[in-house]
Amino acid sequence: MCILAALLSGALVWLVRPEKPAATATFAAPEPTPDPQSDPLEEFLLEREQLRGMHSAQLNDIIYGENTDEETRALAQRTLLSLLSWAEQETTIEGILRARGYADCAVTVHEDTANVLVRAEALTREESAVILELVLRETDVESGNVKIIPIN
């Protein structure tokens, strides 16, 4: 349980296997390199994918670890399934938003929150309502926990 808690908080994860020398791994979000031409939205999407890959790898290490107890393995499996479900919801919402004309957007979904970043100077009430309805339809997030953020 402690290993999974450390993983989920983004902290240090220690994996020790008797058949291999003790290994210490620290995982942190990759630091973006300053680039005046870079797009913050594209950087966010790249960092999200990198972080998702690290979380999935860490959870798989726990799931397939020889020394992982069954309770921790089951919790890691449920967590991985949640991460995959959220990623699918994010991809679906982003795809629909692109089809509706919001070419630059990013969505994050978690257990009880969702954030939608849309490249726009501002959004009308009607546009926000359409985006909110989409998020509510595709997720189990309550409307008060959905943030729609126009960015330029």
Protein backbone atom coordinates (compact mmCIF):
# COMPACT_ATOMS: atom_id res chain seq x y z
CA MET A 1 0.00 0.00 0.00
CA CYS A 2 2.83 2.39 0.89
CA ILE A 3 4.46 1.86 -2.49
CA LEU A 4 1.25 2.72 -4.32
CA ALA A 5 0.62 5.77 -2.15
CA ALA A 6 4.10 7.07 -2.92
CA LEU A 7 3.55 6.42 -6.61
CA LEU A 8 0.26 8.25 -6.73
CA SER A 9 1.64 11.27 -4.93
CA GLY A 10 4.45 11.52 -7.45
CA ALA A 11 7.03 10.74 -4.81
CA LEU A 12 9.96 8.36 -4.71
CA VAL A 13 9.31 4.73 -5.60
CA TRP A 14 11.63 1.99 -4.36
CA LEU A 15 11.56 -1.36 -6.09
CA VAL A 16 13.68 -4.11 -4.62
CA ARG A 17 13.80 -7.58 -6.13
CA PRO A 18 15.94 -10.36 -4.63
CA GLU A 19 17.10 -11.64 -8.02
CA LYS A 20 18.44 -8.22 -8.94
CA PRO A 21 20.51 -5.68 -7.05
CA ALA A 22 18.44 -3.15 -5.12
CA ALA A 23 17.36 -0.36 -7.42
CA THR A 24 16.32 3.12 -6.50
CA ALA A 25 14.32 5.07 -9.00
CA THR A 26 13.05 8.59 -8.72
CA PHE A 27 10.45 9.82 -11.12
CA ALA A 28 9.73 13.45 -11.70
CA ALA A 29 7.90 15.27 -14.40
CA PRO A 30 10.33 16.12 -17.17
CA GLU A 31 11.51 19.67 -17.06
CA PRO A 32 10.64 21.55 -20.20
CA THR A 33 13.50 23.23 -21.97
CA PRO A 34 12.95 26.93 -22.39
CA ASP A 35 12.14 27.69 -26.01
CA PRO A 36 10.69 31.05 -26.96
CA GLN A 37 9.00 29.47 -29.99
CA SER A 38 7.43 26.61 -28.04
CA ASP A 39 3.70 26.34 -27.57
CA PRO A 40 2.62 25.90 -23.93
CA LEU A 41 -0.37 23.78 -24.96
CA GLU A 42 1.81 21.40 -26.98
CA GLU A 43 4.31 21.23 -24.11
CA PHE A 44 1.47 20.39 -21.72
CA LEU A 45 0.24 17.57 -23.96
CA LEU A 46 3.77 16.17 -24.28
CA GLU A 47 4.37 16.33 -20.53
CA ARG A 48 0.99 14.68 -19.89
CA GLU A 49 1.92 11.77 -22.16
CA GLN A 50 5.37 11.40 -20.59
CA LEU A 51 3.94 11.45 -17.08
CA ARG A 52 1.22 8.97 -18.08
CA GLY A 53 3.88 6.65 -19.48
CA MET A 54 5.92 6.85 -16.26
CA HIS A 55 2.86 6.15 -14.10
CA SER A 56 1.88 3.18 -16.27
CA ALA A 57 5.42 1.78 -16.10
CA GLN A 58 5.54 2.18 -12.32
CA LEU A 59 2.17 0.50 -11.89
CA ASN A 60 3.22 -2.36 -14.17
CA ASP A 61 6.37 -2.81 -12.07
CA ILE A 62 4.17 -3.13 -9.00
CA ILE A 63 1.66 -5.42 -10.72
CA TYR A 64 4.30 -7.80 -12.07
CA GLY A 65 6.72 -7.52 -9.16
CA GLU A 66 7.51 -10.86 -7.52
CA ASN A 67 7.44 -9.34 -4.03
CA THR A 68 4.17 -7.47 -4.44
CA ASP A 69 1.44 -8.70 -2.11
CA GLU A 70 -1.97 -9.46 -3.60
CA GLU A 71 -3.73 -6.48 -2.01
CA THR A 72 -1.18 -4.02 -3.42
CA ARG A 73 -1.24 -5.77 -6.82
CA ALA A 74 -5.04 -5.51 -6.97
CA LEU A 75 -4.92 -1.83 -6.02
CA ALA A 76 -2.26 -1.15 -8.66
CA GLN A 77 -4.38 -2.95 -11.27
CA ARG A 78 -7.45 -0.88 -10.38
CA THR A 79 -5.38 2.30 -10.51
CA LEU A 80 -3.96 1.39 -13.92
CA LEU A 81 -7.46 0.68 -15.22
CA SER A 82 -8.59 4.10 -13.95
CA LEU A 83 -5.64 5.81 -15.66
CA LEU A 84 -6.47 4.05 -18.92
CA SER A 85 -10.14 4.99 -18.63
CA TRP A 86 -9.30 8.65 -17.97
CA ALA A 87 -6.88 8.69 -20.91
CA GLU A 88 -9.60 7.30 -23.18
CA GLN A 89 -12.06 9.94 -21.97
CA GLU A 90 -9.49 12.69 -22.55
CA THR A 91 -8.81 11.46 -26.08
CA THR A 92 -12.51 11.21 -26.89
CA ILE A 93 -13.31 14.70 -25.61
CA GLU A 94 -10.30 16.22 -27.39
CA GLY A 95 -11.29 14.52 -30.65
CA ILE A 96 -14.87 15.75 -30.48
CA LEU A 97 -13.69 19.27 -29.62
CA ARG A 98 -11.36 19.24 -32.63
CA ALA A 99 -14.23 18.06 -34.83
CA ARG A 100 -16.30 20.99 -33.53
CA GLY A 101 -13.62 23.48 -34.54
CA TYR A 102 -11.45 23.73 -31.43
CA ALA A 103 -8.24 22.65 -33.12
CA ASP A 104 -6.07 23.42 -30.10
CA CYS A 105 -7.36 21.87 -26.90
CA ALA A 106 -6.23 19.71 -24.02
CA VAL A 107 -8.32 17.79 -21.52
CA THR A 108 -7.40 16.20 -18.21
CA VAL A 109 -9.77 13.83 -16.44
CA HIS A 110 -9.33 12.42 -12.97
CA GLU A 111 -11.60 10.62 -10.54
CA ASP A 112 -13.74 13.64 -9.69
CA THR A 113 -12.38 16.54 -11.76
CA ALA A 114 -11.95 17.52 -15.39
CA ASN A 115 -10.13 20.45 -16.96
CA VAL A 116 -10.61 21.60 -20.53
CA LEU A 117 -8.08 24.00 -22.06
CA VAL A 118 -9.26 25.55 -25.32
CA ARG A 119 -7.27 27.98 -27.42
CA ALA A 120 -9.62 30.95 -27.64
CA GLU A 121 -9.62 34.58 -26.54
CA ALA A 122 -12.90 33.92 -24.74
CA LEU A 123 -15.79 31.49 -24.83
CA THR A 124 -19.44 32.45 -24.97
CA ARG A 125 -21.92 30.95 -22.52
CA GLU A 126 -23.25 28.78 -25.32
CA GLU A 127 -19.78 27.49 -26.23
CA SER A 128 -19.02 26.76 -22.58
CA ALA A 129 -22.36 24.97 -22.20
CA VAL A 130 -21.63 22.76 -25.23
CA ILE A 131 -18.18 21.87 -23.87
CA LEU A 132 -19.60 21.20 -20.38
CA GLU A 133 -22.33 18.95 -21.80
CA LEU A 134 -19.69 16.98 -23.71
CA VAL A 135 -17.54 16.49 -20.61
CA LEU A 136 -20.53 15.45 -18.50
CA ARG A 137 -21.65 12.97 -21.17
CA GLU A 138 -18.19 11.37 -21.49
CA THR A 139 -17.18 11.30 -17.79
CA ASP A 140 -18.63 10.74 -14.33
CA VAL A 141 -17.48 14.18 -13.18
CA GLU A 142 -20.06 16.49 -11.62
CA SER A 143 -20.62 19.81 -13.40
CA GLY A 144 -19.21 21.84 -10.50
CA ASN A 145 -15.89 20.01 -10.86
CA VAL A 146 -15.41 20.78 -14.55
CA LYS A 147 -13.18 23.73 -15.38
CA ILE A 148 -13.25 25.17 -18.89
CA ILE A 149 -10.31 27.46 -19.48
CA PRO A 150 -9.81 29.56 -22.60
CA ILE A 151 -6.14 30.19 -23.35
CA ASN A 152 -4.52 32.27 -26.04
